[in-house]
Amino acid sequence: MKKHYKTIVLSDLHLGIKNSRVKEVVEFLKGHTCDTLILNGDIIDGWQLKKSGSWKSKHTKFFKLIMKWLAKNDTKVIYLRGNHDDFLDEVLPFSLGNFSIKKHHILRSGDAKYYVVHGDIFDTVTTKLKWLAKLGDIGYTLLLWLNRHYNNYRVKKGLPYYSLSQVVKQKVKQAVNFISDFEEQLAEVAKANRCQGVICGHIHQPANKMIGNIHYLNSGDWVETMSALVEDDHGHWEVVYYADWVKAQTPVTAPETNVAPQEAWVLQPA
């Protein structure tokens, strides 16, 4: 049975690169429904598609599913522009029925308001030093390539998965955040817009925490962490990981016993 949420937020699918987990995100969406779906930037990786990336049928299936949600489920879909899909600047703002494309969005959740934005506009690397950001993107792509081949080797040796690229990128992003105060800037922007929370993506680090009196949420990515933000009907938010969701869907097999079910509970007369 599909689980229903008031809101689902996805970001950083990077459709067009080899390492995008589009099959997993489609499977995740097929197991859920929601009133509002927010695609919070870097859904399509325009940077890679201009270079070595390729568009495949599995990427088209994602958008076919979104169109199905719009038509059959009456889901409101909000696509927010990210830095890798900055080609959307050519059509912003756009609205057609329940589908819209924006730079940012104000979302009401319970008694609170959340400022929803991809987050790259508050990252000094991707705004003031775009050439450096693209250089970093090339390096990250190389890391993902190395990671894939390294883990193929580990599988053959019977070793568990190790995310080389995630560890390296986390260290790089921590330096970026130290310089630009990424999370603090987003919290301040939420305050400036009279919001009690902020929802972003961009840095591929899922989060659900408080920064002062601002509720900071990050939806993560669908390259490695495979995570989403979900809101229930009571305004409660949580980070859902695909791996945990899959485990929850796996039926638990009861242990076998040698005792007949009916006979085991019958009291025998003395």
Protein backbone atom coordinates (compact mmCIF):
# COMPACT_ATOMS: atom_id res chain seq x y z
CA MET A 1 0.00 0.00 0.00
CA LYS A 2 1.31 3.44 -0.95
CA LYS A 3 2.13 5.84 1.86
CA HIS A 4 0.73 9.34 1.57
CA TYR A 5 2.50 12.52 2.65
CA LYS A 6 1.46 16.13 2.56
CA THR A 7 4.80 17.12 1.01
CA ILE A 8 7.78 15.32 -0.52
CA VAL A 9 10.98 17.20 -1.36
CA LEU A 10 13.61 15.79 -3.71
CA SER A 11 16.78 17.46 -4.94
CA ASP A 12 20.03 16.77 -6.76
CA LEU A 13 18.95 13.85 -8.96
CA HIS A 14 21.49 14.98 -11.59
CA LEU A 15 19.66 13.24 -14.43
CA GLY A 16 22.09 12.85 -17.31
CA ILE A 17 25.09 11.49 -15.41
CA LYS A 18 25.96 7.81 -15.07
CA ASN A 19 25.83 7.88 -11.29
CA SER A 20 22.29 9.27 -10.99
CA ARG A 21 20.12 6.77 -9.10
CA VAL A 22 17.04 7.48 -11.21
CA LYS A 23 15.70 3.90 -11.02
CA GLU A 24 15.73 4.09 -7.24
CA VAL A 25 13.99 7.47 -7.10
CA VAL A 26 11.29 6.25 -9.50
CA GLU A 27 10.76 3.17 -7.33
CA PHE A 28 10.56 5.39 -4.24
CA LEU A 29 7.97 7.66 -5.82
CA LYS A 30 5.88 4.71 -7.02
CA GLY A 31 5.58 3.67 -3.37
CA HIS A 32 4.23 7.06 -2.28
CA THR A 33 1.73 9.79 -3.02
CA CYS A 34 1.64 13.39 -1.85
CA ASP A 35 -0.30 16.61 -2.13
CA THR A 36 2.79 18.63 -3.09
CA LEU A 37 6.02 17.44 -4.71
CA ILE A 38 8.94 19.88 -4.66
CA LEU A 39 11.83 19.22 -7.04
CA ASN A 40 14.43 21.40 -5.35
CA GLY A 41 17.07 21.94 -8.01
CA ASP A 42 19.74 20.01 -9.92
CA ILE A 43 17.10 17.57 -11.15
CA ILE A 44 18.56 17.70 -14.67
CA ASP A 45 22.34 18.02 -14.88
CA GLY A 46 22.68 20.48 -17.74
CA TRP A 47 26.41 20.89 -17.11
CA GLN A 48 27.12 17.21 -17.76
CA LEU A 49 24.67 16.93 -20.66
CA LYS A 50 26.67 19.63 -22.44
CA LYS A 51 29.81 17.54 -22.02
CA SER A 52 29.89 13.79 -21.59
CA GLY A 53 26.46 13.10 -20.14
CA SER A 54 23.62 11.35 -21.96
CA TRP A 55 19.84 11.30 -21.69
CA LYS A 56 18.34 7.82 -21.47
CA SER A 57 14.89 6.29 -21.38
CA LYS A 58 15.11 5.81 -17.61
CA HIS A 59 15.42 9.59 -17.21
CA THR A 60 12.33 10.09 -19.37
CA LYS A 61 10.45 7.59 -17.18
CA PHE A 62 10.99 9.89 -14.20
CA PHE A 63 9.21 12.78 -15.90
CA LYS A 64 6.48 10.48 -17.24
CA LEU A 65 5.79 9.51 -13.64
CA ILE A 66 5.67 13.18 -12.63
CA MET A 67 3.18 13.86 -15.44
CA LYS A 68 1.09 10.93 -14.20
CA TRP A 69 1.05 12.42 -10.70
CA LEU A 70 -0.10 15.73 -12.14
CA ALA A 71 -2.89 14.14 -14.16
CA LYS A 72 -4.18 11.33 -11.93
CA ASN A 73 -3.23 12.25 -8.39
CA ASP A 74 -3.85 15.99 -8.75
CA THR A 75 -0.43 16.53 -7.17
CA LYS A 76 0.99 20.05 -7.13
CA VAL A 77 4.53 19.94 -8.57
CA ILE A 78 6.98 22.78 -7.94
CA TYR A 79 10.32 22.69 -9.78
CA LEU A 80 12.93 25.03 -8.28
CA ARG A 81 15.96 25.96 -10.35
CA GLY A 82 19.40 24.75 -9.25
CA ASN A 83 22.87 25.61 -10.48
CA HIS A 84 23.19 22.49 -12.67
CA ASP A 85 19.81 23.18 -14.30
CA ASP A 86 20.42 26.92 -14.64
CA PHE A 87 19.12 26.67 -18.22
CA LEU A 88 15.70 27.11 -16.61
CA ASP A 89 16.53 30.81 -16.25
CA GLU A 90 15.32 31.12 -19.85
CA VAL A 91 11.73 30.24 -18.88
CA LEU A 92 11.42 31.55 -15.31
CA PRO A 93 8.87 32.06 -13.95
CA PHE A 94 6.56 29.46 -15.51
CA SER A 95 3.20 28.09 -14.43
CA LEU A 96 0.72 25.72 -16.05
CA GLY A 97 -2.06 24.21 -13.98
CA ASN A 98 -0.54 22.42 -10.98
CA PHE A 99 3.01 22.64 -12.40
CA SER A 100 5.30 25.60 -11.85
CA ILE A 101 9.00 26.50 -12.18
CA LYS A 102 10.46 29.05 -9.77
CA LYS A 103 13.68 30.21 -8.13
CA HIS A 104 12.26 29.88 -4.63
CA HIS A 105 8.99 29.11 -2.87
CA ILE A 106 7.29 29.88 0.43
CA LEU A 107 5.75 26.72 1.88
CA ARG A 108 3.23 26.65 4.72
CA SER A 109 3.75 23.74 7.11
CA GLY A 110 1.48 23.61 10.14
CA ASP A 111 1.69 27.04 11.76
CA ALA A 112 5.09 27.78 10.21
CA LYS A 113 6.39 29.11 6.92
CA TYR A 114 9.43 27.63 5.17
CA TYR A 115 11.66 29.34 2.63
CA VAL A 116 12.40 26.70 -0.03
CA VAL A 117 15.38 27.21 -2.34
CA HIS A 118 18.06 25.01 -3.92
CA GLY A 119 20.80 26.88 -2.08
CA ASP A 120 23.47 27.58 -4.68
CA ILE A 121 22.76 31.33 -4.66
CA PHE A 122 24.17 31.45 -1.12
CA ASP A 123 27.30 29.47 -2.00
CA THR A 124 30.11 31.89 -2.84
CA VAL A 125 31.85 29.23 -4.94
CA THR A 126 28.93 28.71 -7.32
CA THR A 127 28.01 32.39 -7.56
CA LYS A 128 31.22 34.42 -7.59
CA LEU A 129 33.62 31.71 -8.80
CA LYS A 130 31.53 29.73 -11.29
CA TRP A 131 34.63 28.52 -13.16
CA LEU A 132 35.92 26.99 -9.93
CA ALA A 133 32.57 25.32 -9.30
CA LYS A 134 32.68 23.69 -12.74
CA LEU A 135 36.24 22.59 -12.10
CA GLY A 136 35.04 21.02 -8.86
CA ASP A 137 32.20 19.34 -10.76
CA ILE A 138 34.72 17.70 -13.08
CA GLY A 139 36.66 16.47 -10.06
CA TYR A 140 33.52 15.09 -8.43
CA THR A 141 32.59 13.26 -11.63
CA LEU A 142 36.03 11.68 -11.66
CA LEU A 143 35.61 10.68 -8.01
CA LEU A 144 32.29 9.01 -8.80
CA TRP A 145 33.96 7.10 -11.65
CA LEU A 146 36.76 5.96 -9.32
CA ASN A 147 34.21 5.12 -6.64
CA ARG A 148 32.23 2.89 -9.01
CA HIS A 149 35.28 0.88 -10.09
CA TYR A 150 36.72 0.75 -6.57
CA ASN A 151 33.48 -0.69 -5.20
CA ASN A 152 33.28 -3.24 -8.02
CA TYR A 153 36.66 -4.46 -6.74
CA ARG A 154 35.39 -4.48 -3.13
CA VAL A 155 32.32 -6.53 -4.13
CA LYS A 156 34.56 -9.15 -5.76
CA LYS A 157 36.58 -9.31 -2.52
CA GLY A 158 33.43 -9.64 -0.43
CA LEU A 159 33.94 -6.23 1.17
CA PRO A 160 31.11 -3.78 2.03
CA TYR A 161 30.36 -0.64 0.01
CA TYR A 162 32.61 2.33 0.74
CA SER A 163 31.70 5.79 -0.51
CA LEU A 164 35.05 7.25 -1.47
CA SER A 165 33.51 10.15 -3.37
CA GLN A 166 31.09 11.05 -0.56
CA VAL A 167 33.89 11.19 2.01
CA VAL A 168 36.07 13.39 -0.20
CA LYS A 169 33.23 15.68 -1.22
CA GLN A 170 32.06 16.07 2.35
CA LYS A 171 35.47 17.40 3.30
CA VAL A 172 35.49 19.81 0.35
CA LYS A 173 31.96 21.00 1.09
CA GLN A 174 32.83 21.56 4.72
CA ALA A 175 35.52 23.98 3.55
CA VAL A 176 32.99 25.69 1.29
CA ASN A 177 30.51 25.98 4.13
CA PHE A 178 33.21 27.39 6.42
CA ILE A 179 33.95 30.18 3.93
CA SER A 180 30.39 31.05 2.95
CA ASP A 181 28.58 30.08 6.16
CA PHE A 182 26.12 28.25 3.93
CA GLU A 183 23.65 27.07 6.54
CA GLU A 184 23.78 30.25 8.59
CA GLN A 185 23.15 32.38 5.50
CA LEU A 186 20.10 30.31 4.62
CA ALA A 187 18.80 30.66 8.16
CA GLU A 188 19.23 34.43 7.94
CA VAL A 189 17.39 34.52 4.61
CA ALA A 190 14.52 32.59 6.18
CA LYS A 191 14.38 35.20 8.95
CA ALA A 192 14.46 38.04 6.41
CA ASN A 193 11.46 36.48 4.67
CA ARG A 194 9.65 36.08 7.99
CA CYS A 195 9.86 32.29 7.78
CA GLN A 196 10.43 29.87 10.63
CA GLY A 197 12.28 27.31 8.52
CA VAL A 198 14.36 26.80 5.39
CA ILE A 199 14.46 23.84 2.98
CA CYS A 200 17.38 23.40 0.62
CA GLY A 201 19.59 20.91 -1.24
CA HIS A 202 22.79 21.61 -3.19
CA ILE A 203 25.45 20.31 -0.77
CA HIS A 204 24.28 16.66 -0.87
CA GLN A 205 24.09 16.45 2.90
CA PRO A 206 20.67 15.47 4.33
CA ALA A 207 19.77 17.38 7.49
CA ASN A 208 16.94 18.03 9.91
CA LYS A 209 18.09 20.36 12.69
CA MET A 210 17.66 23.71 14.36
CA ILE A 211 19.95 26.68 13.67
CA GLY A 212 19.00 29.09 16.41
CA ASN A 213 15.23 29.35 16.12
CA ILE A 214 15.19 28.39 12.41
CA HIS A 215 14.32 24.85 11.36
CA TYR A 216 16.96 23.83 8.77
CA LEU A 217 16.12 21.01 6.38
CA ASN A 218 18.22 19.58 3.55
CA SER A 219 16.84 16.89 1.24
CA GLY A 220 20.24 15.38 0.36
CA ASP A 221 20.67 13.85 -3.11
CA TRP A 222 20.02 10.88 -5.41
CA VAL A 223 23.59 10.24 -6.45
CA GLU A 224 24.80 8.55 -3.28
CA THR A 225 22.78 9.20 -0.12
CA MET A 226 19.42 8.65 -1.91
CA SER A 227 17.31 10.63 0.52
CA ALA A 228 14.15 12.71 0.56
CA LEU A 229 12.35 15.06 2.92
CA VAL A 230 8.77 14.20 3.81
CA GLU A 231 6.09 16.11 5.73
CA ASP A 232 3.07 14.44 7.29
CA ASP A 233 -0.38 15.97 7.71
CA HIS A 234 0.59 17.32 11.13
CA GLY A 235 3.52 19.36 9.83
CA HIS A 236 6.21 16.98 11.10
CA TRP A 237 9.30 16.60 8.90
CA GLU A 238 11.79 13.77 8.57
CA VAL A 239 14.58 12.61 6.28
CA VAL A 240 13.76 9.30 4.59
CA TYR A 241 16.61 7.21 3.18
CA TYR A 242 15.88 4.93 0.25
CA ALA A 243 17.90 2.07 1.77
CA ASP A 244 15.88 2.21 5.00
CA TRP A 245 12.61 2.44 3.06
CA VAL A 246 13.50 -0.65 1.00
CA LYS A 247 14.28 -2.62 4.18
CA ALA A 248 10.92 -1.60 5.63
CA GLN A 249 9.17 -2.97 2.52
CA THR A 250 10.84 -6.38 2.82
CA PRO A 251 8.45 -8.86 4.49
CA VAL A 252 9.78 -10.56 7.59
CA THR A 253 9.67 -14.34 7.34
CA ALA A 254 8.58 -16.05 10.54
CA PRO A 255 11.04 -18.65 11.85
CA GLU A 256 10.11 -22.25 11.14
CA THR A 257 9.03 -24.43 14.06
CA ASN A 258 8.34 -28.13 14.38
CA VAL A 259 5.18 -27.60 16.43
CA ALA A 260 1.83 -27.65 14.67
CA PRO A 261 0.23 -24.20 15.11
CA GLN A 262 -3.13 -25.43 16.47
CA GLU A 263 -1.80 -28.24 18.65
CA ALA A 264 0.77 -26.00 20.35
CA TRP A 265 -1.89 -24.02 22.21
CA VAL A 266 -4.30 -26.81 23.19
CA LEU A 267 -4.25 -27.75 26.90
CA GLN A 268 -4.29 -31.52 27.25
CA PRO A 269 -6.51 -33.04 29.96
CA ALA A 270 -4.71 -34.51 32.95
